[in-house]
N, C-alpha and C. Protein backbone atom coordinates (compact mmCIF):
# COMPACT_ATOMS: atom_id res chain seq x y z
N MET A 1 -62.02 14.21 -2.26
CA MET A 1 -60.31 14.69 -2.43
C MET A 1 -59.49 13.19 -2.00
N GLU A 2 -59.88 12.27 -1.39
CA GLU A 2 -59.22 11.29 -1.51
C GLU A 2 -58.59 10.57 -2.43
N LYS A 3 -60.17 10.19 -3.28
CA LYS A 3 -60.14 9.48 -4.86
C LYS A 3 -59.03 10.61 -5.90
N GLU A 4 -58.95 12.16 -5.82
CA GLU A 4 -58.32 12.56 -6.69
C GLU A 4 -56.57 12.50 -6.25
N LYS A 5 -56.31 11.97 -4.90
CA LYS A 5 -54.93 11.95 -4.55
C LYS A 5 -54.53 10.77 -4.88
N PHE A 6 -54.93 9.66 -4.87
CA PHE A 6 -54.65 8.48 -5.70
C PHE A 6 -54.76 8.20 -7.14
N GLU A 7 -55.47 8.92 -7.45
CA GLU A 7 -55.36 8.89 -9.33
C GLU A 7 -54.57 9.40 -9.62
N ILE A 8 -53.73 8.82 -10.68
CA ILE A 8 -52.41 9.03 -11.29
C ILE A 8 -52.83 9.53 -12.96
N GLY A 9 -53.04 10.18 -13.92
CA GLY A 9 -53.14 10.52 -15.01
C GLY A 9 -54.58 9.74 -15.30
N GLY A 10 -55.60 9.84 -14.45
CA GLY A 10 -57.03 9.64 -14.81
C GLY A 10 -57.43 8.36 -13.97
N LYS A 11 -58.78 8.24 -14.33
CA LYS A 11 -59.29 7.10 -13.60
C LYS A 11 -58.64 5.54 -13.85
N GLY A 12 -58.65 4.65 -13.29
CA GLY A 12 -58.51 3.44 -13.35
C GLY A 12 -56.65 3.19 -13.70
N ASN A 13 -56.28 3.81 -13.61
CA ASN A 13 -54.76 3.90 -13.89
C ASN A 13 -53.99 2.86 -12.78
N ILE A 14 -54.27 3.10 -11.39
CA ILE A 14 -53.74 2.66 -10.54
C ILE A 14 -54.43 1.33 -10.88
N ASP A 15 -55.41 0.76 -10.98
CA ASP A 15 -55.78 -0.30 -10.94
C ASP A 15 -55.28 -1.46 -11.99
N GLU A 16 -54.84 -0.57 -13.20
CA GLU A 16 -54.27 -1.34 -14.24
C GLU A 16 -52.83 -1.56 -14.19
N ASN A 17 -52.36 -0.55 -13.55
CA ASN A 17 -50.63 -0.65 -13.02
C ASN A 17 -50.98 -1.82 -12.19
N ILE A 18 -51.43 -2.18 -10.84
CA ILE A 18 -51.86 -3.05 -10.03
C ILE A 18 -51.52 -4.29 -10.85
N LYS A 19 -52.96 -4.46 -11.96
CA LYS A 19 -53.29 -5.94 -12.61
C LYS A 19 -51.67 -6.12 -13.48
N ARG A 20 -51.28 -5.03 -13.76
CA ARG A 20 -49.77 -5.12 -14.86
C ARG A 20 -48.52 -5.80 -14.32
N LEU A 21 -48.34 -5.16 -13.20
CA LEU A 21 -47.64 -5.51 -11.83
C LEU A 21 -47.52 -6.89 -11.65
N GLN A 22 -48.65 -7.06 -11.11
CA GLN A 22 -49.15 -8.58 -10.78
C GLN A 22 -48.86 -9.82 -11.95
N ARG A 23 -49.13 -8.99 -13.02
CA ARG A 23 -49.20 -10.10 -14.42
C ARG A 23 -47.49 -10.11 -14.57
N GLU A 24 -46.69 -9.30 -14.42
CA GLU A 24 -44.99 -9.23 -14.48
C GLU A 24 -44.62 -10.33 -13.43
N PHE A 25 -45.19 -9.88 -12.39
CA PHE A 25 -44.90 -10.94 -11.15
C PHE A 25 -44.96 -12.08 -11.26
N ASP A 26 -45.93 -12.41 -11.91
CA ASP A 26 -46.50 -13.94 -12.16
C ASP A 26 -45.90 -14.80 -12.99
N GLU A 27 -45.81 -14.03 -14.34
CA GLU A 27 -44.32 -14.55 -15.12
C GLU A 27 -43.25 -14.61 -14.78
N SER A 28 -42.53 -13.68 -14.02
CA SER A 28 -41.08 -14.28 -13.32
C SER A 28 -41.43 -15.26 -12.30
N VAL A 29 -42.37 -15.40 -11.52
CA VAL A 29 -42.53 -16.55 -10.68
C VAL A 29 -42.62 -17.86 -11.66
N ALA A 30 -43.06 -17.79 -12.48
CA ALA A 30 -43.57 -18.85 -13.55
C ALA A 30 -42.08 -19.63 -13.83
N GLY A 31 -41.32 -18.48 -14.42
CA GLY A 31 -40.11 -18.55 -15.45
C GLY A 31 -39.03 -19.24 -14.46
N MET A 32 -39.14 -18.98 -12.81
CA MET A 32 -38.15 -19.31 -12.03
C MET A 32 -38.52 -21.03 -11.61
N LYS A 33 -39.63 -21.28 -11.73
CA LYS A 33 -40.16 -23.02 -11.36
C LYS A 33 -40.05 -23.46 -12.65
N GLY A 34 -40.59 -22.90 -13.60
CA GLY A 34 -40.70 -23.80 -14.74
C GLY A 34 -42.10 -24.05 -14.55
N ALA A 35 -42.71 -24.04 -15.95
CA ALA A 35 -44.33 -24.51 -15.82
C ALA A 35 -44.25 -26.19 -16.55
N PRO A 36 -45.28 -26.59 -16.05
CA PRO A 36 -45.34 -28.03 -16.21
C PRO A 36 -45.68 -28.50 -17.57
N ARG A 37 -44.97 -29.23 -18.19
CA ARG A 37 -45.00 -29.40 -19.33
C ARG A 37 -46.15 -30.34 -19.87
N ILE A 38 -46.92 -30.50 -20.78
CA ILE A 38 -47.97 -31.20 -21.24
C ILE A 38 -47.79 -31.81 -22.55
N LYS A 39 -48.22 -33.44 -21.94
CA LYS A 39 -48.25 -34.50 -23.08
C LYS A 39 -49.26 -34.80 -23.96
N GLU A 40 -49.68 -34.80 -25.16
CA GLU A 40 -50.81 -34.79 -25.62
C GLU A 40 -50.85 -36.53 -26.07
N GLU A 41 -52.11 -36.86 -26.11
CA GLU A 41 -52.46 -38.36 -26.61
C GLU A 41 -52.07 -38.24 -28.21
N SER A 42 -51.66 -39.38 -28.66
CA SER A 42 -51.73 -39.13 -29.87
C SER A 42 -52.78 -39.31 -31.06
N ALA A 43 -52.91 -38.90 -32.08
CA ALA A 43 -54.80 -38.97 -32.73
C ALA A 43 -54.81 -40.33 -33.00
N LYS A 44 -53.68 -41.46 -32.82
CA LYS A 44 -54.19 -42.73 -33.30
C LYS A 44 -55.18 -43.35 -32.02
N LYS A 45 -54.59 -42.99 -30.79
CA LYS A 45 -55.00 -43.78 -29.35
C LYS A 45 -56.60 -43.03 -29.41
N GLU A 46 -56.72 -41.24 -29.70
CA GLU A 46 -58.02 -41.06 -29.50
C GLU A 46 -58.70 -41.43 -30.60
N LYS A 47 -58.67 -42.00 -31.38
CA LYS A 47 -59.65 -42.54 -32.59
C LYS A 47 -59.81 -43.67 -32.32
N LYS A 48 -59.06 -44.54 -31.57
CA LYS A 48 -59.57 -45.82 -31.05
C LYS A 48 -60.61 -45.93 -30.27
N ARG A 49 -60.01 -44.96 -29.19
CA ARG A 49 -61.13 -44.69 -28.13
C ARG A 49 -62.29 -44.54 -28.37
N GLU A 50 -62.63 -43.30 -29.39
CA GLU A 50 -63.87 -42.90 -29.87
C GLU A 50 -64.80 -43.80 -30.68
N LYS A 51 -63.76 -44.87 -31.02
CA LYS A 51 -64.47 -45.87 -31.92
C LYS A 51 -65.25 -47.19 -30.61
N ALA A 52 -64.28 -47.10 -30.10
CA ALA A 52 -64.42 -47.97 -28.86
C ALA A 52 -65.95 -47.48 -27.98
N VAL A 53 -65.71 -46.42 -27.61
CA VAL A 53 -67.10 -45.88 -26.98
C VAL A 53 -68.25 -45.74 -27.93
N GLU A 54 -68.16 -45.70 -29.36
CA GLU A 54 -69.28 -45.41 -30.21
C GLU A 54 -69.86 -46.99 -30.46
N ARG A 55 -68.90 -48.25 -30.34
CA ARG A 55 -69.30 -49.41 -30.27
C ARG A 55 -70.17 -49.66 -28.93
N GLY A 56 -69.46 -48.99 -27.94
CA GLY A 56 -70.57 -49.27 -27.14
C GLY A 56 -69.60 -50.39 -25.51
N ASN A 57 -68.64 -50.84 -26.02
CA ASN A 57 -67.33 -51.31 -25.39
C ASN A 57 -67.09 -50.94 -23.94
N ASP A 58 -67.96 -51.80 -22.90
CA ASP A 58 -68.04 -51.11 -21.47
C ASP A 58 -66.71 -50.70 -21.15
N LYS A 59 -65.40 -51.65 -21.26
CA LYS A 59 -64.21 -51.47 -20.87
C LYS A 59 -63.52 -50.24 -21.34
N ALA A 60 -63.82 -49.85 -22.53
CA ALA A 60 -63.38 -48.81 -23.31
C ALA A 60 -63.84 -47.38 -22.65
N VAL A 61 -64.88 -47.54 -22.27
CA VAL A 61 -65.59 -46.23 -21.37
C VAL A 61 -65.12 -46.10 -20.12
N MET A 62 -64.89 -47.38 -19.41
CA MET A 62 -64.42 -47.00 -18.02
C MET A 62 -62.97 -46.63 -18.33
N ARG A 63 -62.35 -47.22 -19.28
CA ARG A 63 -60.68 -46.77 -19.44
C ARG A 63 -60.65 -45.11 -20.01
N GLU A 64 -61.71 -44.77 -20.29
CA GLU A 64 -61.90 -43.09 -20.75
C GLU A 64 -61.55 -42.72 -19.34
N LYS A 65 -63.00 -43.04 -18.52
CA LYS A 65 -62.75 -42.29 -17.32
C LYS A 65 -62.17 -42.42 -16.43
N GLU A 66 -61.11 -43.17 -16.60
CA GLU A 66 -60.17 -43.49 -15.76
C GLU A 66 -58.67 -42.65 -16.12
N ILE A 67 -58.19 -42.49 -17.51
CA ILE A 67 -57.33 -42.28 -18.08
C ILE A 67 -57.68 -40.81 -18.39
N PRO A 68 -56.97 -39.92 -18.41
CA PRO A 68 -56.91 -38.37 -18.43
C PRO A 68 -56.30 -38.40 -20.14
N ARG A 69 -57.20 -37.16 -20.67
CA ARG A 69 -56.64 -36.96 -22.01
C ARG A 69 -55.03 -36.52 -21.59
N LYS A 70 -54.98 -35.50 -21.36
CA LYS A 70 -53.64 -34.64 -20.92
C LYS A 70 -53.15 -34.90 -19.77
N THR A 71 -51.36 -35.48 -19.96
CA THR A 71 -51.05 -35.67 -18.57
C THR A 71 -49.93 -34.52 -18.35
N TYR A 72 -49.80 -34.23 -17.15
CA TYR A 72 -48.70 -33.42 -16.53
C TYR A 72 -47.74 -34.04 -15.95
N VAL A 73 -46.80 -33.08 -16.57
CA VAL A 73 -45.28 -33.89 -16.05
C VAL A 73 -44.65 -32.83 -15.49
N SER A 74 -43.96 -33.05 -14.46
CA SER A 74 -42.94 -32.19 -13.52
C SER A 74 -42.11 -31.66 -14.23
N PRO A 75 -41.96 -30.38 -13.86
CA PRO A 75 -40.48 -29.34 -14.65
C PRO A 75 -39.37 -30.43 -14.67
N TYR A 76 -39.12 -31.05 -13.36
CA TYR A 76 -38.11 -31.43 -12.76
C TYR A 76 -37.85 -33.19 -13.05
N GLU A 77 -38.59 -33.61 -14.18
CA GLU A 77 -38.62 -34.81 -14.56
C GLU A 77 -37.45 -35.57 -15.26
N GLY A 78 -37.03 -34.57 -15.98
CA GLY A 78 -35.41 -34.78 -16.58
C GLY A 78 -34.02 -34.70 -15.72
N ILE A 79 -34.32 -34.45 -14.43
CA ILE A 79 -33.30 -34.02 -13.56
C ILE A 79 -32.93 -35.47 -12.82
N ARG A 80 -33.73 -36.00 -12.57
CA ARG A 80 -33.95 -37.30 -11.69
C ARG A 80 -32.86 -38.20 -12.79
N SER A 81 -32.07 -39.57 -11.97
CA SER A 81 -31.55 -40.62 -12.96
C SER A 81 -32.20 -41.72 -12.11
N ASN A 82 -31.88 -42.78 -13.31
CA ASN A 82 -32.16 -44.04 -12.38
C ASN A 82 -31.60 -44.36 -11.55
N SER A 83 -29.98 -43.82 -11.31
CA SER A 83 -29.30 -44.25 -10.10
C SER A 83 -29.76 -43.73 -8.64
N VAL A 84 -30.30 -42.48 -8.84
CA VAL A 84 -31.27 -41.85 -7.70
C VAL A 84 -32.58 -43.10 -7.17
N GLU A 85 -33.05 -43.31 -8.12
CA GLU A 85 -34.29 -44.23 -7.91
C GLU A 85 -33.77 -45.68 -7.34
N SER A 86 -32.99 -46.02 -7.47
CA SER A 86 -32.57 -47.08 -7.20
C SER A 86 -32.36 -47.51 -5.72
N PHE A 87 -32.01 -46.43 -5.10
CA PHE A 87 -31.65 -46.02 -3.90
C PHE A 87 -32.83 -45.89 -2.75
N ASN A 88 -33.84 -46.10 -3.55
CA ASN A 88 -35.60 -46.17 -2.57
C ASN A 88 -35.61 -47.07 -1.51
N ILE A 89 -34.52 -48.03 -2.26
CA ILE A 89 -34.74 -49.66 -1.66
C ILE A 89 -34.13 -49.56 0.10
N PHE A 90 -33.32 -48.35 0.29
CA PHE A 90 -33.30 -48.06 1.66
C PHE A 90 -34.02 -47.45 2.45
N LYS A 91 -35.12 -46.81 1.90
CA LYS A 91 -35.95 -46.13 2.59
C LYS A 91 -37.20 -46.93 3.04
N SER A 92 -37.12 -48.32 2.37
CA SER A 92 -37.97 -49.36 2.88
C SER A 92 -37.51 -50.09 4.23
N SER A 93 -38.60 -50.21 5.18
CA SER A 93 -38.22 -50.62 6.52
C SER A 93 -38.25 -52.33 6.20
N ARG A 94 -38.80 -52.70 5.15
CA ARG A 94 -38.81 -54.24 4.96
C ARG A 94 -37.20 -54.84 4.91
N PHE A 95 -36.25 -53.81 3.78
CA PHE A 95 -35.06 -53.97 3.83
C PHE A 95 -34.54 -54.34 4.97
N TYR A 96 -34.75 -53.43 5.80
CA TYR A 96 -33.71 -53.42 7.06
C TYR A 96 -34.05 -54.41 7.84
N ILE A 97 -35.49 -55.02 7.79
CA ILE A 97 -35.89 -56.32 8.93
C ILE A 97 -35.16 -57.33 7.79
N VAL A 98 -35.26 -57.64 6.80
CA VAL A 98 -34.30 -58.70 6.02
C VAL A 98 -32.88 -58.51 6.41
N VAL A 99 -32.21 -57.60 6.37
CA VAL A 99 -31.01 -57.47 6.04
C VAL A 99 -30.52 -58.10 7.95
N PHE A 100 -31.02 -57.69 8.96
CA PHE A 100 -31.05 -57.73 10.20
C PHE A 100 -31.17 -59.31 10.42
N GLY A 101 -32.15 -59.86 9.53
CA GLY A 101 -32.70 -60.95 9.91
C GLY A 101 -31.53 -62.14 9.70
N ILE A 102 -31.10 -62.02 8.03
CA ILE A 102 -29.96 -62.67 7.70
C ILE A 102 -28.67 -62.65 8.60
N ALA A 103 -28.23 -61.31 9.13
CA ALA A 103 -27.16 -61.08 10.11
C ALA A 103 -27.41 -62.02 11.50
N ALA A 104 -28.56 -61.72 11.92
CA ALA A 104 -28.71 -63.14 13.10
C ALA A 104 -28.86 -64.35 12.77
N PHE A 105 -29.21 -64.53 11.63
CA PHE A 105 -28.99 -65.94 11.28
C PHE A 105 -28.08 -66.60 11.29
N GLY A 106 -27.06 -65.68 10.70
CA GLY A 106 -25.51 -66.12 10.41
C GLY A 106 -24.48 -65.95 11.57
N PHE A 107 -25.07 -64.88 12.57
CA PHE A 107 -24.36 -65.15 14.09
C PHE A 107 -24.67 -66.31 15.04
N LEU A 108 -26.04 -66.67 14.77
CA LEU A 108 -26.80 -67.66 15.38
C LEU A 108 -25.59 -68.98 15.16
N ILE A 109 -25.68 -69.50 13.37
CA ILE A 109 -25.01 -70.51 13.04
C ILE A 109 -23.69 -70.26 13.33
N PHE A 110 -22.91 -69.53 13.21
CA PHE A 110 -21.41 -69.59 13.06
C PHE A 110 -20.87 -69.09 14.57
N LYS A 111 -21.23 -67.73 15.44
CA LYS A 111 -20.82 -67.64 16.47
C LYS A 111 -21.53 -67.89 17.82
N ALA A 112 -22.88 -67.97 17.88
CA ALA A 112 -23.39 -68.16 18.96
C ALA A 112 -23.23 -69.53 19.40
N PRO A 113 -22.82 -69.27 20.90
CA PRO A 113 -22.76 -70.53 21.85
C PRO A 113 -24.00 -71.05 21.90
N VAL A 114 -24.13 -72.19 21.28
CA VAL A 114 -25.31 -72.52 21.42
C VAL A 114 -25.25 -73.93 22.31
N PHE A 115 -24.68 -74.94 22.41
CA PHE A 115 -24.42 -75.88 22.94
C PHE A 115 -23.40 -75.81 24.25
N ARG A 116 -23.57 -76.26 25.58
CA ARG A 116 -22.59 -75.88 26.72
C ARG A 116 -22.52 -77.06 27.56
N TYR A 117 -20.94 -77.91 27.67
CA TYR A 117 -20.90 -78.92 28.66
C TYR A 117 -19.62 -78.58 29.35
N THR A 118 -19.65 -79.33 30.29
CA THR A 118 -19.05 -79.04 31.45
C THR A 118 -18.28 -80.53 31.75
N THR A 119 -17.11 -80.46 32.13
CA THR A 119 -16.28 -81.70 32.19
C THR A 119 -16.87 -81.79 33.72
N PRO A 120 -16.08 -83.15 34.36
CA PRO A 120 -16.25 -82.75 36.09
C PRO A 120 -15.39 -82.70 36.65
N PHE A 121 -15.29 -82.35 37.77
CA PHE A 121 -13.68 -81.68 38.43
C PHE A 121 -13.27 -83.04 38.63
N ARG A 122 -11.57 -82.78 38.83
CA ARG A 122 -10.47 -83.60 39.05
C ARG A 122 -9.55 -82.89 39.44
N PRO A 123 -8.67 -83.34 40.17
CA PRO A 123 -7.47 -82.38 40.81
C PRO A 123 -6.39 -82.30 40.17
N ASP A 124 -6.18 -81.11 40.22
CA ASP A 124 -5.11 -80.45 39.51
C ASP A 124 -3.80 -81.26 39.88
N ASN A 125 -2.92 -81.17 38.79
CA ASN A 125 -1.87 -82.07 38.65
C ASN A 125 -0.39 -81.39 39.64
N ASP A 126 -0.61 -79.66 39.52
CA ASP A 126 0.44 -79.00 40.15
C ASP A 126 -0.02 -78.62 41.74
N LEU A 127 -1.05 -78.13 41.54
CA LEU A 127 -1.93 -78.04 43.04
C LEU A 127 -2.80 -78.99 43.68
N PRO A 128 -2.59 -80.15 44.01
CA PRO A 128 -3.29 -80.88 44.31
C PRO A 128 -5.05 -80.74 45.70
N GLN A 129 -4.85 -79.31 46.02
CA GLN A 129 -5.91 -79.08 47.01
C GLN A 129 -6.91 -78.52 46.16
N ILE A 130 -6.58 -78.34 44.85
CA ILE A 130 -7.85 -77.77 44.11
C ILE A 130 -8.52 -78.49 43.13
N GLU A 131 -9.48 -78.37 42.61
CA GLU A 131 -9.80 -79.29 41.44
C GLU A 131 -10.33 -78.05 40.23
N VAL A 132 -10.55 -79.08 39.17
CA VAL A 132 -10.37 -78.09 37.82
C VAL A 132 -11.39 -79.01 37.14
N GLY A 133 -12.08 -78.37 36.36
CA GLY A 133 -13.24 -78.67 35.69
C GLY A 133 -13.43 -77.53 34.24
N PHE A 134 -13.63 -78.04 33.49
CA PHE A 134 -13.80 -77.14 31.87
C PHE A 134 -14.62 -77.12 31.38
N LYS A 135 -15.45 -75.45 30.73
CA LYS A 135 -16.80 -75.54 30.58
C LYS A 135 -16.02 -75.19 28.55
N TYR A 136 -17.08 -76.22 27.82
CA TYR A 136 -17.19 -75.57 26.56
C TYR A 136 -18.45 -75.01 25.68
N TYR A 137 -18.18 -74.11 25.06
CA TYR A 137 -19.05 -73.73 24.17
C TYR A 137 -18.87 -73.87 22.63
N ASN A 138 -19.91 -74.69 22.04
CA ASN A 138 -19.77 -74.74 20.59
C ASN A 138 -21.24 -74.12 19.65
N ASN A 139 -20.71 -74.17 19.01
CA ASN A 139 -22.28 -73.62 17.90
C ASN A 139 -22.91 -74.42 17.13
N LEU A 140 -23.58 -74.24 16.30
CA LEU A 140 -24.35 -75.52 15.76
C LEU A 140 -23.82 -76.24 15.05
N PHE A 141 -22.56 -76.30 14.45
CA PHE A 141 -22.25 -77.13 13.68
C PHE A 141 -21.01 -77.64 14.50
N GLY A 142 -20.98 -77.23 15.73
CA GLY A 142 -19.88 -78.27 16.80
C GLY A 142 -18.84 -77.82 17.07
N LYS A 143 -18.32 -76.90 16.11
CA LYS A 143 -17.35 -76.05 16.47
C LYS A 143 -16.83 -75.34 17.69
N GLN A 144 -16.02 -75.25 18.15
CA GLN A 144 -15.51 -74.50 19.87
C GLN A 144 -15.63 -73.20 19.75
N THR A 145 -16.36 -72.64 20.16
CA THR A 145 -16.61 -70.93 19.83
C THR A 145 -15.81 -70.70 21.16
N LYS A 146 -15.96 -71.07 22.52
CA LYS A 146 -15.54 -70.14 23.49
C LYS A 146 -15.15 -71.69 24.66
N SER A 147 -14.21 -71.60 25.30
CA SER A 147 -13.59 -72.56 26.62
C SER A 147 -13.46 -71.45 28.13
N GLU A 148 -13.75 -72.21 29.29
CA GLU A 148 -13.48 -71.69 30.48
C GLU A 148 -13.22 -73.28 31.73
N THR A 149 -12.23 -71.95 31.92
CA THR A 149 -11.48 -73.08 33.04
C THR A 149 -12.85 -72.83 34.29
N VAL A 150 -13.17 -74.19 35.03
CA VAL A 150 -13.49 -73.94 36.49
C VAL A 150 -12.84 -74.33 37.76
N VAL A 151 -12.25 -73.65 38.31
CA VAL A 151 -11.56 -74.37 39.57
C VAL A 151 -12.77 -73.95 40.83
N ASN A 152 -12.41 -74.79 41.61
CA ASN A 152 -13.12 -75.61 42.64
C ASN A 152 -12.21 -75.70 43.86
N ILE A 153 -12.20 -74.84 44.85
CA ILE A 153 -11.20 -74.70 46.28
C ILE A 153 -12.10 -74.61 47.11
N GLY A 154 -12.23 -75.85 47.61
CA GLY A 154 -13.59 -76.38 49.12
C GLY A 154 -14.87 -75.89 48.56
N LYS A 155 -15.48 -75.26 48.75
CA LYS A 155 -17.12 -74.98 48.75
C LYS A 155 -17.01 -73.60 47.50
N THR A 156 -16.08 -73.00 47.45
CA THR A 156 -16.42 -72.08 46.26
C THR A 156 -15.66 -72.30 45.28
N LYS A 157 -16.63 -71.82 43.84
CA LYS A 157 -15.92 -72.04 42.35
C LYS A 157 -15.63 -70.95 41.60
N PHE A 158 -14.69 -70.81 41.21
CA PHE A 158 -14.14 -69.73 40.29
C PHE A 158 -14.04 -69.79 38.81
N THR A 159 -14.89 -68.90 37.81
CA THR A 159 -14.37 -69.19 36.78
C THR A 159 -13.04 -68.71 36.18
N VAL A 160 -12.44 -69.09 35.41
CA VAL A 160 -11.28 -68.24 35.09
C VAL A 160 -11.54 -68.25 33.62
N ARG A 161 -11.11 -67.23 32.90
CA ARG A 161 -11.40 -67.17 31.44
C ARG A 161 -10.35 -68.22 30.55
N ILE A 162 -9.55 -68.78 30.88
CA ILE A 162 -8.75 -69.29 30.45
C ILE A 162 -9.00 -70.79 29.69
N PRO A 163 -8.52 -71.21 28.45
CA PRO A 163 -8.74 -72.48 27.65
C PRO A 163 -7.98 -73.56 28.63
N MET A 164 -8.50 -74.54 28.58
CA MET A 164 -7.93 -75.82 29.22
C MET A 164 -6.45 -76.07 28.68
N SER A 165 -6.12 -75.55 27.45
CA SER A 165 -4.81 -76.00 27.00
C SER A 165 -3.73 -75.41 27.50
N GLU A 166 -4.03 -74.03 28.12
CA GLU A 166 -3.27 -72.85 28.44
C GLU A 166 -3.16 -73.01 30.00
N TRP A 167 -4.13 -73.70 30.45
CA TRP A 167 -4.02 -73.91 32.04
C TRP A 167 -3.43 -74.91 32.15
N VAL A 168 -3.44 -75.94 31.86
CA VAL A 168 -2.69 -77.61 31.63
C VAL A 168 -1.18 -77.02 31.64
N ASN A 169 -0.71 -76.14 30.54
CA ASN A 169 0.78 -76.07 30.40
C ASN A 169 1.32 -74.80 31.18
N MET A 170 0.17 -74.08 32.01
CA MET A 170 1.24 -73.26 32.80
C MET A 170 1.75 -73.73 34.00
N SER A 171 2.78 -72.98 34.08
CA SER A 171 3.51 -73.51 35.39
C SER A 171 2.49 -72.97 36.70
N LYS A 172 3.20 -73.68 37.72
CA LYS A 172 2.43 -73.96 39.25
C LYS A 172 2.44 -72.15 39.90
N ASP A 173 3.58 -71.39 39.36
CA ASP A 173 3.46 -69.94 39.86
C ASP A 173 2.56 -69.09 39.19
N LYS A 174 2.16 -69.55 38.18
CA LYS A 174 1.23 -68.80 37.42
C LYS A 174 -0.18 -69.06 37.68
N LYS A 175 -0.59 -70.32 38.03
CA LYS A 175 -1.40 -70.49 38.15
C LYS A 175 -1.91 -70.10 39.57
N LEU A 176 -0.56 -70.02 40.71
CA LEU A 176 -1.13 -69.10 41.90
C LEU A 176 -1.27 -67.99 41.72
N VAL A 177 -0.91 -67.18 40.54
CA VAL A 177 -0.90 -65.53 40.58
C VAL A 177 -2.44 -65.64 40.34
N VAL A 178 -2.81 -66.42 39.23
CA VAL A 178 -4.17 -66.45 38.56
C VAL A 178 -5.24 -66.39 39.36
N LEU A 179 -4.99 -67.51 40.61
CA LEU A 179 -5.92 -67.76 41.79
C LEU A 179 -6.20 -66.46 42.59
N LYS A 180 -4.79 -65.97 42.76
CA LYS A 180 -5.23 -64.75 43.60
C LYS A 180 -5.76 -63.54 42.99
N TYR A 181 -5.46 -63.32 41.88
CA TYR A 181 -6.04 -62.55 41.37
C TYR A 181 -7.81 -62.60 41.18
N VAL A 182 -8.27 -64.21 41.05
CA VAL A 182 -9.42 -64.12 40.42
C VAL A 182 -10.19 -64.21 41.97
N GLN A 183 -9.59 -64.12 43.25
CA GLN A 183 -9.96 -64.41 44.90
C GLN A 183 -10.44 -63.19 45.16
N LYS A 184 -9.83 -62.16 44.34
CA LYS A 184 -9.89 -60.63 44.87
C LYS A 184 -10.90 -59.93 44.60
């Protein structure tokens, strides 16, 4: 009874219908993706290869084993452009290492304070109870990148981020305000 229940119009119709539907489904799926294109080698290349094999040329025999007769090409081959492939350099870690290395070297040469020297302490002109010294920072080329003022009051030393030219030209009142601010 079960066999009669599933048979429609005779034996094997369900199997045929399943195969037909499967075939239609496969065709529709293949149409959506696109089948790979096949490039065949030219007849001249094949003749040359056959002659080389007949002569016993070992290199030609080895090439025949390595090179397939048919080459399969992706259906999306035409979609890519050369501009997209040129950006593959940004995916390489070597690119970033080189760029970072060049940037670090440039910073070291032009901006990094490599050399530091300090002037000896001497009494300030406006406030004789304090001693003032100056720190200078230079890059590899000797260009000054930063300067600071070091103030010595008794046994305590303060570093003020004011260059020497500004400290010398400040009035006595401004110097006292800076010293009160730094001591806090």
